[in-house]
Protein backbone atom coordinates (compact mmCIF):
# COMPACT_ATOMS: atom_id res chain seq x y z
CA UNK A 1 106.83 34.12 57.27
CA UNK A 2 108.40 35.55 54.15
CA UNK A 3 107.07 38.02 51.70
CA UNK A 4 106.83 36.41 48.27
CA UNK A 5 108.46 39.47 46.64
CA UNK A 6 111.23 39.88 49.19
CA UNK A 7 113.74 37.43 50.52
CA UNK A 8 113.61 38.86 54.05
CA UNK A 9 111.42 37.38 56.77
CA UNK A 10 108.81 39.67 58.37
CA UNK A 11 109.32 42.44 55.80
CA UNK A 12 106.26 44.52 55.13
CA UNK A 13 104.76 43.51 51.90
CA UNK A 14 102.56 46.45 51.05
CA UNK A 15 102.28 47.62 47.50
CA UNK A 16 103.72 51.10 46.93
CA UNK A 17 100.40 52.64 45.87
CA UNK A 18 98.60 51.32 48.95
CA UNK A 19 101.43 52.50 51.27
CA UNK A 20 101.32 56.01 49.79
CA UNK A 21 97.55 56.09 50.22
CA UNK A 22 97.87 55.10 53.89
CA UNK A 23 100.47 57.83 54.47
CA UNK A 24 98.22 60.36 52.75
CA UNK A 25 95.27 59.42 54.96
CA UNK A 26 97.44 59.64 58.09
CA UNK A 27 98.75 63.06 57.00
CA UNK A 28 95.22 64.39 56.40
CA UNK A 29 94.03 62.98 59.74
CA UNK A 30 96.88 64.58 61.70
CA UNK A 31 96.38 67.90 59.92
CA UNK A 32 92.64 67.90 60.64
CA UNK A 33 93.23 66.87 64.26
CA UNK A 34 95.67 69.72 64.81
CA UNK A 35 93.44 72.25 63.08
CA UNK A 36 90.41 71.26 65.14
CA UNK A 37 92.18 70.93 68.49
CA UNK A 38 92.22 74.01 70.74
CA UNK A 39 95.73 75.21 71.43
CA UNK A 40 97.20 74.38 68.06
CA UNK A 41 96.51 77.78 66.57
CA UNK A 42 98.96 80.64 66.65
CA UNK A 43 96.61 82.94 68.62
CA UNK A 44 96.81 80.61 71.61
CA UNK A 45 100.62 80.59 71.66
CA UNK A 46 100.78 84.19 72.90
CA UNK A 47 99.27 83.25 76.28
CA UNK A 48 101.57 83.09 79.26
CA UNK A 49 99.20 81.14 81.50
CA UNK A 50 96.52 78.56 80.96
CA UNK A 51 94.47 80.25 83.68
CA UNK A 52 94.61 83.91 82.61
CA UNK A 53 90.83 84.13 82.32
CA UNK A 54 90.42 82.76 85.85
CA UNK A 55 92.61 85.42 87.47
CA UNK A 56 90.92 88.69 86.75
CA UNK A 57 91.19 90.70 89.94
CA UNK A 58 88.15 92.77 90.86
CA UNK A 59 88.58 96.50 91.40
CA UNK A 60 88.43 96.11 95.18
CA UNK A 61 91.37 93.64 95.27
CA UNK A 62 93.88 94.93 97.86
CA UNK A 63 97.39 95.87 96.78
CA UNK A 64 98.88 94.20 99.85
CA UNK A 65 98.15 93.10 103.38
CA UNK A 66 98.07 96.61 104.85
CA UNK A 67 95.63 97.65 102.11
CA UNK A 68 93.23 94.93 103.29
CA UNK A 69 92.65 96.80 106.56
CA UNK A 70 92.24 100.10 104.69
CA UNK A 71 89.69 98.66 102.27
CA UNK A 72 87.74 96.93 105.03
CA UNK A 73 87.53 100.09 107.14
CA UNK A 74 86.44 102.15 104.12
CA UNK A 75 83.68 99.72 103.25
CA UNK A 76 82.46 99.29 106.83
CA UNK A 77 82.26 103.08 107.06
CA UNK A 78 80.35 103.19 103.77
CA UNK A 79 77.88 100.62 105.12
CA UNK A 80 77.11 102.92 108.06
CA UNK A 81 76.00 105.67 105.66
CA UNK A 82 74.13 103.52 103.15
CA UNK A 83 73.81 99.76 103.34
CA UNK A 84 74.30 98.69 99.74
CA UNK A 85 74.39 94.96 98.94
CA UNK A 86 77.44 95.41 96.68
CA UNK A 87 79.37 97.04 99.55
CA UNK A 88 78.50 94.14 101.84
CA UNK A 89 79.61 91.71 99.12
CA UNK A 90 82.91 93.61 98.73
CA UNK A 91 83.49 93.34 102.50
CA UNK A 92 82.82 89.61 102.34
CA UNK A 93 85.22 89.29 99.38
CA UNK A 94 88.05 91.19 101.07
CA UNK A 95 87.68 89.23 104.32
CA UNK A 96 87.75 85.96 102.37
CA UNK A 97 91.01 87.02 100.67
CA UNK A 98 92.90 87.75 103.90
CA UNK A 99 94.49 84.30 104.10
CA UNK A 100 95.56 84.32 100.47
CA UNK A 101 97.03 87.82 100.63
CA UNK A 102 98.81 87.09 103.92
CA UNK A 103 100.23 83.88 102.43
CA UNK A 104 101.79 85.94 99.63
CA UNK A 105 103.92 87.80 102.17
CA UNK A 106 107.06 86.63 103.94
CA UNK A 107 105.21 86.10 107.23
CA UNK A 108 106.07 83.05 109.25
CA UNK A 109 103.34 80.46 109.65
CA UNK A 110 102.94 81.35 113.32
CA UNK A 111 102.22 84.98 112.31
CA UNK A 112 100.01 84.00 109.39
CA UNK A 113 97.78 81.49 111.25
CA UNK A 114 95.97 83.99 113.53
CA UNK A 115 95.04 86.13 110.51
CA UNK A 116 93.73 83.15 108.63
CA UNK A 117 91.77 81.77 111.59
CA UNK A 118 90.17 85.09 112.47
CA UNK A 119 89.28 85.87 108.86
CA UNK A 120 87.64 82.45 108.49
CA UNK A 121 85.57 83.04 111.65
CA UNK A 122 84.51 86.49 110.41
CA UNK A 123 83.56 85.19 106.96
CA UNK A 124 81.36 82.48 108.48
CA UNK A 125 79.42 85.13 110.42
CA UNK A 126 79.15 87.43 107.39
CA UNK A 127 77.75 84.64 105.24
CA UNK A 128 75.07 83.89 107.82
CA UNK A 129 73.45 87.28 107.12
CA UNK A 130 74.44 88.28 103.56
CA UNK A 131 73.98 91.90 102.60
CA UNK A 132 73.78 93.04 106.21
CA UNK A 133 76.38 94.15 108.72
CA UNK A 134 75.46 93.71 112.38
CA UNK A 135 77.28 95.47 115.20
CA UNK A 136 79.01 92.19 116.08
CA UNK A 137 80.22 91.92 112.47
CA UNK A 138 81.58 95.47 112.57
CA UNK A 139 83.43 94.70 115.82
CA UNK A 140 84.86 91.46 114.40
CA UNK A 141 86.02 93.22 111.23
CA UNK A 142 87.69 95.96 113.27
CA UNK A 143 89.40 93.27 115.38
CA UNK A 144 90.64 91.69 112.14
CA UNK A 145 91.89 95.08 110.92
CA UNK A 146 93.79 95.67 114.17
CA UNK A 147 95.37 92.22 113.88
CA UNK A 148 96.33 92.97 110.27
CA UNK A 149 97.90 96.29 111.32
CA UNK A 150 99.93 94.50 114.02
CA UNK A 151 100.91 91.64 111.73
CA UNK A 152 102.09 93.90 108.90
CA UNK A 153 104.82 95.15 111.22
CA UNK A 154 106.13 91.57 111.50
CA UNK A 155 106.71 91.14 107.77
CA UNK A 156 110.48 90.89 107.26
CA UNK A 157 111.91 93.49 104.93
CA UNK A 158 113.49 92.21 101.77
CA UNK A 159 117.09 93.22 101.22
CA UNK A 160 117.60 96.10 98.82
CA UNK A 161 120.59 95.69 96.49
CA UNK A 162 120.35 98.90 94.51
CA UNK A 163 119.95 99.47 90.81
CA UNK A 164 123.11 97.65 89.76
CA UNK A 165 121.93 94.31 91.20
CA UNK A 166 119.05 92.24 89.84
C-alpha cells in the first residue's frame, strides 16, 4: 500500500499537524506519569536502600554475638526484680535474633547450627507464656548464653593489615 502523497510503500502518511499533536500528547502523558510515580522525584534519589524504613534497629539490638549473652543476662536479672512486660518482650526479641546475629559472623555452619536450634527451642517456650519468665525459661536462656559464650571463642579472627591497607 502506498501513501498517495509519497512514492514509498508503507510510509506513514500522517499530516504534520496531527503528528505534532500526537507527540505533544505523548510528551504530556510521560511527564505526568513521571511526576505522579513514586521514585521519580529528587528527594527519593538520596536513599541508599529501598528498605531503609524496614531496618530500624531497636535500642536493645545487640552489637554482636557476645553482646547477645550480656543483654539476655541483664534482662533476665531485671525480670527477677520486677517482671515488666516490655522486659519480657525484649528477652523474646533478643532470643529470636540469635540466629541472624550468629549468621552475620564468620562461624562455620556446624558452629552456627546449635545456636540457631537452641534459640528456636527457647523462643517457642517463651511465646507459650508471653510476658512471663518461668524457672525453666530462665534455665534455658542461661544455657543459650553459655553456648553463645563458648561459640564466640570459635569465631575466626579477621586478618589485620594495618592502616596502610584497605
